[in-house]
PDB file of N, CA and C in Angstrom:
ATOM      1  N   MET A   1     -12.290   7.519 -23.064  1.00  0.00           N
ATOM      2  CA  MET A   1     -13.394   7.664 -22.081  1.00  0.00           C
ATOM      3  C   MET A   1     -14.237   9.052 -21.989  1.00  0.00           C
ATOM      4  N   GLU A   2     -15.419   8.487 -21.673  1.00  0.00           N
ATOM      5  CA  GLU A   2     -16.435   9.853 -21.712  1.00  0.00           C
ATOM      6  C   GLU A   2     -15.865  10.765 -20.542  1.00  0.00           C
ATOM      7  N   GLU A   3     -15.967  12.080 -20.630  1.00  0.00           N
ATOM      8  CA  GLU A   3     -15.884  13.082 -19.471  1.00  0.00           C
ATOM      9  C   GLU A   3     -16.841  12.855 -18.406  1.00  0.00           C
ATOM     10  N   LYS A   4     -16.260  12.731 -17.099  1.00  0.00           N
ATOM     11  CA  LYS A   4     -17.384  12.509 -16.126  1.00  0.00           C
ATOM     12  C   LYS A   4     -16.895  13.732 -15.248  1.00  0.00           C
ATOM     13  N   TYR A   5     -17.740  14.564 -14.543  1.00  0.00           N
ATOM     14  CA  TYR A   5     -17.621  15.683 -13.404  1.00  0.00           C
ATOM     15  C   TYR A   5     -18.127  15.199 -12.230  1.00  0.00           C
ATOM     16  N   TYR A   6     -17.461  15.780 -11.374  1.00  0.00           N
ATOM     17  CA  TYR A   6     -17.766  15.411  -9.907  1.00  0.00           C
ATOM     18  C   TYR A   6     -17.765  16.840  -8.982  1.00  0.00           C
ATOM     19  N   ILE A   7     -18.602  16.894  -8.022  1.00  0.00           N
ATOM     20  CA  ILE A   7     -18.410  17.933  -7.235  1.00  0.00           C
ATOM     21  C   ILE A   7     -17.866  17.194  -5.721  1.00  0.00           C
ATOM     22  N   HIS A   8     -16.848  17.862  -5.198  1.00  0.00           N
ATOM     23  CA  HIS A   8     -16.308  17.288  -3.942  1.00  0.00           C
ATOM     24  C   HIS A   8     -16.307  18.383  -2.934  1.00  0.00           C
ATOM     25  N   ALA A   9     -16.670  18.129  -1.804  1.00  0.00           N
ATOM     26  CA  ALA A   9     -16.576  19.336  -0.699  1.00  0.00           C
ATOM     27  C   ALA A   9     -16.017  18.838   0.584  1.00  0.00           C
ATOM     28  N   MET A  10     -15.349  19.464   1.183  1.00  0.00           N
ATOM     29  CA  MET A  10     -14.808  19.307   2.734  1.00  0.00           C
ATOM     30  C   MET A  10     -15.754  20.043   3.615  1.00  0.00           C
ATOM     31  N   TRP A  11     -16.176  19.823   4.582  1.00  0.00           N
ATOM     32  CA  TRP A  11     -16.960  20.370   5.518  1.00  0.00           C
ATOM     33  C   TRP A  11     -16.373  20.283   6.866  1.00  0.00           C
ATOM     34  N   ARG A  12     -16.051  21.596   7.624  1.00  0.00           N
ATOM     35  CA  ARG A  12     -15.729  21.069   8.987  1.00  0.00           C
ATOM     36  C   ARG A  12     -16.677  22.068   9.520  1.00  0.00           C
ATOM     37  N   VAL A  13     -17.609  21.247  10.275  1.00  0.00           N
ATOM     38  CA  VAL A  13     -18.803  21.593  10.958  1.00  0.00           C
ATOM     39  C   VAL A  13     -18.756  22.144  12.334  1.00  0.00           C
ATOM     40  N   GLN A  14     -19.369  23.300  12.719  1.00  0.00           N
ATOM     41  CA  GLN A  14     -19.205  23.820  14.078  1.00  0.00           C
ATOM     42  C   GLN A  14     -19.380  22.527  15.091  1.00  0.00           C
ATOM     43  N   PRO A  15     -18.944  22.624  16.041  1.00  0.00           N
ATOM     44  CA  PRO A  15     -18.868  21.505  16.873  1.00  0.00           C
ATOM     45  C   PRO A  15     -20.285  21.565  17.665  1.00  0.00           C
ATOM     46  N   GLY A  16     -21.111  20.274  17.871  1.00  0.00           N
ATOM     47  CA  GLY A  16     -22.395  20.222  18.376  1.00  0.00           C
ATOM     48  C   GLY A  16     -23.483  20.379  17.565  1.00  0.00           C
ATOM     49  N   ARG A  17     -23.089  20.844  15.962  1.00  0.00           N
ATOM     50  CA  ARG A  17     -24.186  21.259  15.037  1.00  0.00           C
ATOM     51  C   ARG A  17     -23.990  20.160  14.030  1.00  0.00           C
ATOM     52  N   GLU A  18     -23.592  18.919  14.384  1.00  0.00           N
ATOM     53  CA  GLU A  18     -23.549  17.798  13.143  1.00  0.00           C
ATOM     54  C   GLU A  18     -24.983  17.431  12.774  1.00  0.00           C
ATOM     55  N   GLU A  19     -25.695  17.119  13.571  1.00  0.00           N
ATOM     56  CA  GLU A  19     -27.077  16.447  13.010  1.00  0.00           C
ATOM     57  C   GLU A  19     -27.725  17.703  12.494  1.00  0.00           C
ATOM     58  N   GLU A  20     -27.601  19.018  12.753  1.00  0.00           N
ATOM     59  CA  GLU A  20     -28.460  19.827  12.089  1.00  0.00           C
ATOM     60  C   GLU A  20     -27.773  20.128  10.555  1.00  0.00           C
ATOM     61  N   PHE A  21     -26.501  19.758  10.596  1.00  0.00           N
ATOM     62  CA  PHE A  21     -25.456  19.865   9.289  1.00  0.00           C
ATOM     63  C   PHE A  21     -26.039  19.061   8.476  1.00  0.00           C
ATOM     64  N   ILE A  22     -26.110  17.554   8.928  1.00  0.00           N
ATOM     65  CA  ILE A  22     -26.646  16.549   8.183  1.00  0.00           C
ATOM     66  C   ILE A  22     -28.046  16.587   7.520  1.00  0.00           C
ATOM     67  N   ALA A  23     -29.067  17.225   8.511  1.00  0.00           N
ATOM     68  CA  ALA A  23     -30.310  17.606   7.828  1.00  0.00           C
ATOM     69  C   ALA A  23     -30.241  18.869   6.926  1.00  0.00           C
ATOM     70  N   ALA A  24     -29.458  19.732   6.885  1.00  0.00           N
ATOM     71  CA  ALA A  24     -29.311  20.795   5.962  1.00  0.00           C
ATOM     72  C   ALA A  24     -28.701  20.359   4.518  1.00  0.00           C
ATOM     73  N   TRP A  25     -27.733  19.250   4.645  1.00  0.00           N
ATOM     74  CA  TRP A  25     -27.069  18.731   3.388  1.00  0.00           C
ATOM     75  C   TRP A  25     -28.370  18.015   2.786  1.00  0.00           C
ATOM     76  N   GLN A  26     -29.090  17.271   3.411  1.00  0.00           N
ATOM     77  CA  GLN A  26     -30.425  16.334   3.023  1.00  0.00           C
ATOM     78  C   GLN A  26     -31.028  17.628   1.907  1.00  0.00           C
ATOM     79  N   GLU A  27     -31.393  18.653   2.819  1.00  0.00           N
ATOM     80  CA  GLU A  27     -32.165  19.739   2.074  1.00  0.00           C
ATOM     81  C   GLU A  27     -31.313  20.131   0.856  1.00  0.00           C
ATOM     82  N   LEU A  28     -30.130  20.398   0.911  1.00  0.00           N
ATOM     83  CA  LEU A  28     -29.298  20.772  -0.253  1.00  0.00           C
ATOM     84  C   LEU A  28     -29.636  19.311  -1.268  1.00  0.00           C
ATOM     85  N   SER A  29     -29.379  18.194  -1.085  1.00  0.00           N
ATOM     86  CA  SER A  29     -29.822  17.181  -1.972  1.00  0.00           C
ATOM     87  C   SER A  29     -31.037  17.203  -2.448  1.00  0.00           C
ATOM     88  N   ASN A  30     -32.095  17.658  -1.753  1.00  0.00           N
ATOM     89  CA  ASN A  30     -33.540  17.898  -2.384  1.00  0.00           C
ATOM     90  C   ASN A  30     -33.595  18.851  -3.428  1.00  0.00           C
ATOM     91  N   ALA A  31     -32.831  19.844  -2.996  1.00  0.00           N
ATOM     92  CA  ALA A  31     -32.637  21.264  -3.932  1.00  0.00           C
ATOM     93  C   ALA A  31     -32.047  20.705  -5.102  1.00  0.00           C
ATOM     94  N   PHE A  32     -31.083  20.114  -5.059  1.00  0.00           N
ATOM     95  CA  PHE A  32     -30.106  19.477  -6.406  1.00  0.00           C
ATOM     96  C   PHE A  32     -31.258  18.609  -7.151  1.00  0.00           C
ATOM     97  N   SER A  33     -32.020  17.664  -6.358  1.00  0.00           N
ATOM     98  CA  SER A  33     -32.767  16.658  -7.158  1.00  0.00           C
ATOM     99  C   SER A  33     -34.079  17.324  -7.900  1.00  0.00           C
ATOM    100  N   SER A  34     -34.233  18.656  -7.556  1.00  0.00           N
ATOM    101  CA  SER A  34     -35.276  19.507  -8.064  1.00  0.00           C
ATOM    102  C   SER A  34     -34.992  20.182  -9.526  1.00  0.00           C
ATOM    103  N   LEU A  35     -33.625  20.321  -9.578  1.00  0.00           N
ATOM    104  CA  LEU A  35     -32.982  20.902 -10.820  1.00  0.00           C
ATOM    105  C   LEU A  35     -33.312  20.095 -12.124  1.00  0.00           C
ATOM    106  N   GLU A  36     -33.476  21.051 -13.123  1.00  0.00           N
ATOM    107  CA  GLU A  36     -33.826  20.220 -14.463  1.00  0.00           C
ATOM    108  C   GLU A  36     -32.759  19.348 -14.874  1.00  0.00           C
ATOM    109  N   LYS A  37     -31.240  19.708 -14.608  1.00  0.00           N
ATOM    110  CA  LYS A  37     -30.375  18.898 -14.807  1.00  0.00           C
ATOM    111  C   LYS A  37     -29.762  18.492 -13.626  1.00  0.00           C
ATOM    112  N   LYS A  38     -30.061  17.388 -12.908  1.00  0.00           N
ATOM    113  CA  LYS A  38     -29.610  16.972 -11.355  1.00  0.00           C
ATOM    114  C   LYS A  38     -28.547  16.224 -11.463  1.00  0.00           C
ATOM    115  N   PRO A  39     -27.650  16.159 -10.329  1.00  0.00           N
ATOM    116  CA  PRO A  39     -26.650  15.003 -10.247  1.00  0.00           C
ATOM    117  C   PRO A  39     -27.155  13.699 -10.454  1.00  0.00           C
ATOM    118  N   LEU A  40     -26.255  12.673 -10.881  1.00  0.00           N
ATOM    119  CA  LEU A  40     -26.631  11.138 -10.736  1.00  0.00           C
ATOM    120  C   LEU A  40     -26.753  10.821  -9.551  1.00  0.00           C
ATOM    121  N   TRP A  41     -26.115  11.198  -8.366  1.00  0.00           N
ATOM    122  CA  TRP A  41     -26.153  10.850  -6.895  1.00  0.00           C
ATOM    123  C   TRP A  41     -25.171  11.782  -6.165  1.00  0.00           C
ATOM    124  N   GLY A  42     -25.596  11.531  -4.914  1.00  0.00           N
ATOM    125  CA  GLY A  42     -24.548  12.317  -3.902  1.00  0.00           C
ATOM    126  C   GLY A  42     -24.444  11.294  -2.581  1.00  0.00           C
ATOM    127  N   SER A  43     -23.342  11.592  -2.130  1.00  0.00           N
ATOM    128  CA  SER A  43     -23.002  10.836  -0.716  1.00  0.00           C
ATOM    129  C   SER A  43     -22.271  11.881   0.266  1.00  0.00           C
ATOM    130  N   LEU A  44     -22.699  11.876   1.518  1.00  0.00           N
ATOM    131  CA  LEU A  44     -22.227  12.640   2.498  1.00  0.00           C
ATOM    132  C   LEU A  44     -21.703  11.525   3.492  1.00  0.00           C
ATOM    133  N   LEU A  45     -20.100  11.779   3.685  1.00  0.00           N
ATOM    134  CA  LEU A  45     -19.579  10.964   4.640  1.00  0.00           C
ATOM    135  C   LEU A  45     -19.056  11.877   5.995  1.00  0.00           C
ATOM    136  N   GLN A  46     -19.016  11.150   7.063  1.00  0.00           N
ATOM    137  CA  GLN A  46     -18.513  11.758   8.380  1.00  0.00           C
ATOM    138  C   GLN A  46     -17.429  10.864   8.589  1.00  0.00           C
ATOM    139  N   SER A  47     -16.388  11.607   9.306  1.00  0.00           N
ATOM    140  CA  SER A  47     -15.247  11.066   9.860  1.00  0.00           C
ATOM    141  C   SER A  47     -15.693  10.153  11.049  1.00  0.00           C
ATOM    142  N   LEU A  48     -15.061   9.085  11.359  1.00  0.00           N
ATOM    143  CA  LEU A  48     -15.345   8.298  12.638  1.00  0.00           C
ATOM    144  C   LEU A  48     -14.367   8.900  13.648  1.00  0.00           C
ATOM    145  N   THR A  49     -13.240   9.542  13.393  1.00  0.00           N
ATOM    146  CA  THR A  49     -12.291  10.015  14.139  1.00  0.00           C
ATOM    147  C   THR A  49     -12.352  11.475  14.795  1.00  0.00           C
ATOM    148  N   GLU A  50     -13.040  12.041  13.815  1.00  0.00           N
ATOM    149  CA  GLU A  50     -13.345  13.687  13.914  1.00  0.00           C
ATOM    150  C   GLU A  50     -14.682  13.967  13.516  1.00  0.00           C
ATOM    151  N   PRO A  51     -15.622  13.889  14.468  1.00  0.00           N
ATOM    152  CA  PRO A  51     -17.067  13.881  13.848  1.00  0.00           C
ATOM    153  C   PRO A  51     -17.605  15.277  13.407  1.00  0.00           C
ATOM    154  N   THR A  52     -16.705  16.348  13.380  1.00  0.00           N
ATOM    155  CA  THR A  52     -17.138  17.495  12.818  1.00  0.00           C
ATOM    156  C   THR A  52     -16.723  17.589  11.283  1.00  0.00           C
ATOM    157  N   LEU A  53     -15.930  16.551  11.046  1.00  0.00           N
ATOM    158  CA  LEU A  53     -15.273  16.377   9.591  1.00  0.00           C
ATOM    159  C   LEU A  53     -16.210  15.772   8.692  1.00  0.00           C
ATOM    160  N   PHE A  54     -16.772  16.337   7.410  1.00  0.00           N
ATOM    161  CA  PHE A  54     -17.645  15.557   6.638  1.00  0.00           C
ATOM    162  C   PHE A  54     -16.882  15.855   5.336  1.00  0.00           C
ATOM    163  N   PHE A  55     -17.265  14.937   4.192  1.00  0.00           N
ATOM    164  CA  PHE A  55     -17.067  15.077   2.821  1.00  0.00           C
ATOM    165  C   PHE A  55     -18.209  14.644   2.087  1.00  0.00           C
ATOM    166  N   SER A  56     -18.322  15.485   1.088  1.00  0.00           N
ATOM    167  CA  SER A  56     -19.545  15.096   0.198  1.00  0.00           C
ATOM    168  C   SER A  56     -18.840  15.127  -1.273  1.00  0.00           C
ATOM    169  N   PHE A  57     -19.799  14.176  -2.119  1.00  0.00           N
ATOM    170  CA  PHE A  57     -19.219  13.917  -3.654  1.00  0.00           C
ATOM    171  C   PHE A  57     -20.327  13.498  -4.419  1.00  0.00           C
ATOM    172  N   GLY A  58     -20.349  13.587  -5.629  1.00  0.00           N
ATOM    173  CA  GLY A  58     -21.518  13.186  -6.368  1.00  0.00           C
ATOM    174  C   GLY A  58     -21.275  13.701  -7.980  1.00  0.00           C
ATOM    175  N   PRO A  59     -21.342  12.641  -8.609  1.00  0.00           N
ATOM    176  CA  PRO A  59     -21.102  12.982 -10.273  1.00  0.00           C
ATOM    177  C   PRO A  59     -22.542  13.646 -11.070  1.00  0.00           C
ATOM    178  N   TRP A  60     -22.023  14.299 -11.983  1.00  0.00           N
ATOM    179  CA  TRP A  60     -22.991  15.051 -12.861  1.00  0.00           C
ATOM    180  C   TRP A  60     -22.594  14.780 -14.338  1.00  0.00           C
ATOM    181  N   GLN A  61     -23.638  14.724 -15.206  1.00  0.00           N
ATOM    182  CA  GLN A  61     -23.623  14.400 -16.606  1.00  0.00           C
ATOM    183  C   GLN A  61     -22.607  15.252 -17.516  1.00  0.00           C
ATOM    184  N   ARG A  62     -22.789  16.709 -17.084  1.00  0.00           N
ATOM    185  CA  ARG A  62     -21.996  17.319 -18.045  1.00  0.00           C
ATOM    186  C   ARG A  62     -21.645  18.834 -17.031  1.00  0.00           C
ATOM    187  N   LEU A  63     -20.431  19.439 -17.616  1.00  0.00           N
ATOM    188  CA  LEU A  63     -19.935  20.477 -16.746  1.00  0.00           C
ATOM    189  C   LEU A  63     -21.178  21.598 -16.631  1.00  0.00           C
ATOM    190  N   PRO A  64     -21.833  21.824 -18.059  1.00  0.00           N
ATOM    191  CA  PRO A  64     -22.784  22.865 -17.986  1.00  0.00           C
ATOM    192  C   PRO A  64     -23.901  22.585 -16.735  1.00  0.00           C
ATOM    193  N   ASP A  65     -24.293  21.604 -16.493  1.00  0.00           N
ATOM    194  CA  ASP A  65     -25.205  21.225 -15.453  1.00  0.00           C
ATOM    195  C   ASP A  65     -24.729  21.870 -14.248  1.00  0.00           C
ATOM    196  N   ILE A  66     -23.400  21.813 -13.911  1.00  0.00           N
ATOM    197  CA  ILE A  66     -22.796  21.924 -12.538  1.00  0.00           C
ATOM    198  C   ILE A  66     -23.210  23.770 -12.615  1.00  0.00           C
ATOM    199  N   GLU A  67     -22.443  24.185 -13.694  1.00  0.00           N
ATOM    200  CA  GLU A  67     -22.727  25.664 -13.822  1.00  0.00           C
ATOM    201  C   GLU A  67     -24.172  26.061 -13.747  1.00  0.00           C
ATOM    202  N   ALA A  68     -25.246  25.464 -14.174  1.00  0.00           N
ATOM    203  CA  ALA A  68     -26.511  25.964 -14.038  1.00  0.00           C
ATOM    204  C   ALA A  68     -26.915  25.679 -12.789  1.00  0.00           C
ATOM    205  N   MET A  69     -26.572  24.635 -11.815  1.00  0.00           N
ATOM    206  CA  MET A  69     -26.787  24.640 -10.526  1.00  0.00           C
ATOM    207  C   MET A  69     -26.179  25.814  -9.610  1.00  0.00           C
ATOM    208  N   ARG A  70     -24.793  26.195 -10.038  1.00  0.00           N
ATOM    209  CA  ARG A  70     -24.467  27.423  -9.309  1.00  0.00           C
ATOM    210  C   ARG A  70     -25.148  28.579  -9.724  1.00  0.00           C
ATOM    211  N   ALA A  71     -25.829  28.680 -10.722  1.00  0.00           N
ATOM    212  CA  ALA A  71     -26.616  30.009 -11.049  1.00  0.00           C
ATOM    213  C   ALA A  71     -28.071  29.784 -10.491  1.00  0.00           C
ATOM    214  N   ASN A  72     -28.473  28.714  -9.883  1.00  0.00           N
ATOM    215  CA  ASN A  72     -29.945  28.516  -9.473  1.00  0.00           C
ATOM    216  C   ASN A  72     -29.890  29.054  -8.204  1.00  0.00           C
ATOM    217  N   PRO A  73     -30.800  30.229  -7.924  1.00  0.00           N
ATOM    218  CA  PRO A  73     -31.056  30.884  -6.592  1.00  0.00           C
ATOM    219  C   PRO A  73     -31.438  29.964  -5.534  1.00  0.00           C
ATOM    220  N   GLU A  74     -32.289  29.077  -5.688  1.00  0.00           N
ATOM    221  CA  GLU A  74     -32.718  27.988  -4.683  1.00  0.00           C
ATOM    222  C   GLU A  74     -31.577  27.197  -4.074  1.00  0.00           C
ATOM    223  N   ALA A  75     -30.900  26.779  -5.050  1.00  0.00           N
ATOM    224  CA  ALA A  75     -29.788  25.809  -4.758  1.00  0.00           C
ATOM    225  C   ALA A  75     -28.554  26.704  -3.930  1.00  0.00           C
ATOM    226  N   GLN A  76     -28.371  27.811  -4.332  1.00  0.00           N
ATOM    227  CA  GLN A  76     -27.610  28.586  -3.712  1.00  0.00           C
ATOM    228  C   GLN A  76     -28.066  29.102  -2.386  1.00  0.00           C
ATOM    229  N   ALA A  77     -29.294  29.200  -2.073  1.00  0.00           N
ATOM    230  CA  ALA A  77     -29.694  29.734  -0.692  1.00  0.00           C
ATOM    231  C   ALA A  77     -29.813  28.610   0.115  1.00  0.00           C
ATOM    232  N   VAL A  78     -29.943  27.444  -0.297  1.00  0.00           N
ATOM    233  CA  VAL A  78     -29.943  26.061   0.802  1.00  0.00           C
ATOM    234  C   VAL A  78     -28.082  26.091   0.838  1.00  0.00           C
ATOM    235  N   LEU A  79     -27.483  25.887  -0.054  1.00  0.00           N
ATOM    236  CA  LEU A  79     -26.038  25.924   0.075  1.00  0.00           C
ATOM    237  C   LEU A  79     -25.280  26.817   1.011  1.00  0.00           C
ATOM    238  N   SER A  80     -25.887  28.149   0.969  1.00  0.00           N
ATOM    239  CA  SER A  80     -25.474  29.197   2.014  1.00  0.00           C
ATOM    240  C   SER A  80     -25.760  28.703   3.470  1.00  0.00           C
ATOM    241  N   LYS A  81     -26.976  28.071   3.419  1.00  0.00           N
ATOM    242  CA  LYS A  81     -27.477  27.481   5.035  1.00  0.00           C
ATOM    243  C   LYS A  81     -26.639  26.386   5.392  1.00  0.00           C
ATOM    244  N   VAL A  82     -26.330  25.804   4.149  1.00  0.00           N
ATOM    245  CA  VAL A  82     -25.319  24.692   4.721  1.00  0.00           C
ATOM    246  C   VAL A  82     -23.809  25.042   5.261  1.00  0.00           C
ATOM    247  N   ARG A  83     -23.448  26.264   4.288  1.00  0.00           N
ATOM    248  CA  ARG A  83     -22.122  26.708   4.681  1.00  0.00           C
ATOM    249  C   ARG A  83     -22.049  27.570   6.081  1.00  0.00           C
ATOM    250  N   ALA A  84     -23.376  28.059   6.391  1.00  0.00           N
ATOM    251  CA  ALA A  84     -23.317  28.599   7.754  1.00  0.00           C
ATOM    252  C   ALA A  84     -23.221  27.886   8.787  1.00  0.00           C
ATOM    253  N   LEU A  85     -23.437  26.522   8.919  1.00  0.00           N
ATOM    254  CA  LEU A  85     -23.143  25.594   9.845  1.00  0.00           C
ATOM    255  C   LEU A  85     -21.725  24.971   9.876  1.00  0.00           C
ATOM    256  N   CYS A  86     -20.917  25.725   9.238  1.00  0.00           N
ATOM    257  CA  CYS A  86     -19.456  25.158   9.143  1.00  0.00           C
ATOM    258  C   CYS A  86     -18.346  26.378   9.641  1.00  0.00           C
ATOM    259  N   GLN A  87     -17.394  26.076  10.020  1.00  0.00           N
ATOM    260  CA  GLN A  87     -16.313  26.646  10.529  1.00  0.00           C
ATOM    261  C   GLN A  87     -15.290  26.755   9.174  1.00  0.00           C
ATOM    262  N   GLU A  88     -15.467  25.826   8.353  1.00  0.00           N
ATOM    263  CA  GLU A  88     -14.819  25.731   7.174  1.00  0.00           C
ATOM    264  C   GLU A  88     -15.369  24.793   6.006  1.00  0.00           C
ATOM    265  N   ALA A  89     -15.449  25.384   5.049  1.00  0.00           N
ATOM    266  CA  ALA A  89     -15.923  24.738   3.875  1.00  0.00           C
ATOM    267  C   ALA A  89     -15.072  24.728   2.562  1.00  0.00           C
ATOM    268  N   THR A  90     -14.781  23.760   1.986  1.00  0.00           N
ATOM    269  CA  THR A  90     -14.243  23.900   0.789  1.00  0.00           C
ATOM    270  C   THR A  90     -14.614  23.020  -0.514  1.00  0.00           C
ATOM    271  N   LEU A  91     -15.306  23.746  -1.392  1.00  0.00           N
ATOM    272  CA  LEU A  91     -15.926  23.110  -2.498  1.00  0.00           C
ATOM    273  C   LEU A  91     -15.060  23.033  -3.861  1.00  0.00           C
ATOM    274  N   GLY A  92     -15.237  22.320  -4.704  1.00  0.00           N
ATOM    275  CA  GLY A  92     -14.556  22.153  -6.010  1.00  0.00           C
ATOM    276  C   GLY A  92     -15.193  21.041  -6.959  1.00  0.00           C
ATOM    277  N   VAL A  93     -14.886  21.406  -8.187  1.00  0.00           N
ATOM    278  CA  VAL A  93     -15.209  20.451  -9.178  1.00  0.00           C
ATOM    279  C   VAL A  93     -14.294  19.913  -9.977  1.00  0.00           C
ATOM    280  N   TYR A  94     -14.449  18.450 -10.007  1.00  0.00           N
ATOM    281  CA  TYR A  94     -13.286  17.835 -10.543  1.00  0.00           C
ATOM    282  C   TYR A  94     -13.604  16.816 -11.777  1.00  0.00           C
ATOM    283  N   ARG A  95     -12.761  16.574 -12.659  1.00  0.00           N
ATOM    284  CA  ARG A  95     -13.151  15.419 -13.664  1.00  0.00           C
ATOM    285  C   ARG A  95     -12.470  14.272 -13.364  1.00  0.00           C
ATOM    286  N   LEU A  96     -13.115  13.226 -13.786  1.00  0.00           N
ATOM    287  CA  LEU A  96     -12.808  11.855 -13.432  1.00  0.00           C
ATOM    288  C   LEU A  96     -11.466  11.513 -14.542  1.00  0.00           C
ATOM    289  N   ALA A  97     -10.356  11.293 -13.597  1.00  0.00           N
ATOM    290  CA  ALA A  97      -8.956  11.065 -14.220  1.00  0.00           C
ATOM    291  C   ALA A  97      -8.742   9.577 -14.501  1.00  0.00           C
ATOM    292  N   ALA A  98      -9.097   8.763 -13.457  1.00  0.00           N
ATOM    293  CA  ALA A  98      -8.920   7.253 -13.671  1.00  0.00           C
ATOM    294  C   ALA A  98     -10.047   6.604 -12.780  1.00  0.00           C
ATOM    295  N   SER A  99     -10.334   5.218 -13.222  1.00  0.00           N
ATOM    296  CA  SER A  99     -11.219   4.322 -12.152  1.00  0.00           C
ATOM    297  C   SER A  99     -10.781   2.985 -12.470  1.00  0.00           C
ATOM    298  N   SER A 100     -11.186   2.247 -11.604  1.00  0.00           N
ATOM    299  CA  SER A 100     -11.008   0.858 -11.384  1.00  0.00           C
ATOM    300  C   SER A 100     -12.112   0.066 -11.198  1.00  0.00           C
ATOM    301  N   ASP A 101     -12.448  -1.035 -11.874  1.00  0.00           N
ATOM    302  CA  ASP A 101     -13.558  -1.848 -11.605  1.00  0.00           C
ATOM    303  C   ASP A 101     -12.925  -3.266 -10.826  1.00  0.00           C
ATOM    304  N   ALA A 102     -11.728  -3.224 -10.402  1.00  0.00           N
ATOM    305  CA  ALA A 102     -11.195  -4.269  -9.962  1.00  0.00           C
ATOM    306  C   ALA A 102     -11.808  -4.481  -8.340  1.00  0.00           C
ATOM    307  N   PRO A 103     -11.935  -5.960  -8.240  1.00  0.00           N
ATOM    308  CA  PRO A 103     -12.555  -6.151  -7.007  1.00  0.00           C
ATOM    309  C   PRO A 103     -11.816  -5.424  -5.502  1.00  0.00           C
ATOM    310  N   VAL A 104     -12.429  -5.222  -4.743  1.00  0.00           N
ATOM    311  CA  VAL A 104     -11.852  -4.457  -3.468  1.00  0.00           C
ATOM    312  C   VAL A 104     -12.033  -5.520  -2.185  1.00  0.00           C
ATOM    313  N   SER A 105     -11.077  -5.697  -1.585  1.00  0.00           N
ATOM    314  CA  SER A 105     -11.272  -6.438  -0.280  1.00  0.00           C
ATOM    315  C   SER A 105     -12.166  -5.810   0.530  1.00  0.00           C
ATOM    316  N   THR A 106     -12.897  -7.027   1.324  1.00  0.00           N
ATOM    317  CA  THR A 106     -13.861  -6.244   1.979  1.00  0.00           C
ATOM    318  C   THR A 106     -13.522  -6.335   3.453  1.00  0.00           C
ATOM    319  N   GLU A 107     -12.265  -6.426   3.549  1.00  0.00           N
ATOM    320  CA  GLU A 107     -11.575  -6.390   5.065  1.00  0.00           C
ATOM    321  C   GLU A 107     -10.901  -5.135   5.011  1.00  0.00           C
ATOM    322  N   LEU A 108     -11.269  -4.294   6.108  1.00  0.00           N
ATOM    323  CA  LEU A 108     -10.421  -3.056   6.144  1.00  0.00           C
ATOM    324  C   LEU A 108      -9.600  -2.971   7.243  1.00  0.00           C
ATOM    325  N   ARG A 109      -8.294  -2.395   6.899  1.00  0.00           N
ATOM    326  CA  ARG A 109      -7.153  -2.249   7.654  1.00  0.00           C
ATOM    327  C   ARG A 109      -6.924  -0.840   7.785  1.00  0.00           C
ATOM    328  N   LEU A 110      -6.905  -0.548   9.285  1.00  0.00           N
ATOM    329  CA  LEU A 110      -6.505   0.864   9.489  1.00  0.00           C
ATOM    330  C   LEU A 110      -5.023   0.887   9.994  1.00  0.00           C
ATOM    331  N   GLY A 111      -4.319   1.639   9.632  1.00  0.00           N
ATOM    332  CA  GLY A 111      -2.521   1.562   9.887  1.00  0.00           C
ATOM    333  C   GLY A 111      -2.462   2.083  11.194  1.00  0.00           C
TER     334      GLY A 111
END
């Protein structure tokens, strides 16, 4: 299996600043899209039960592409803006360990 790398982040946004955070995250996405080696895509999820809790993730082709993004001053400036809207932010780089192409039920059951 070819190595795939993902950036994953947990964001705990300051209460009342959720919309501002979403706009800043979109700005970060645009900054990433302007990089020479950009991510394949990115997603931002917001908790339905805790509206200040967000998760973002997206795949990158190669680990050096992530390292180049971290060295890019423009991307880091926008990332600082996003972090400033948060009470807590945890970012990490991960490799794909396993995946499944099995069909998933469209019925959602919350326990």
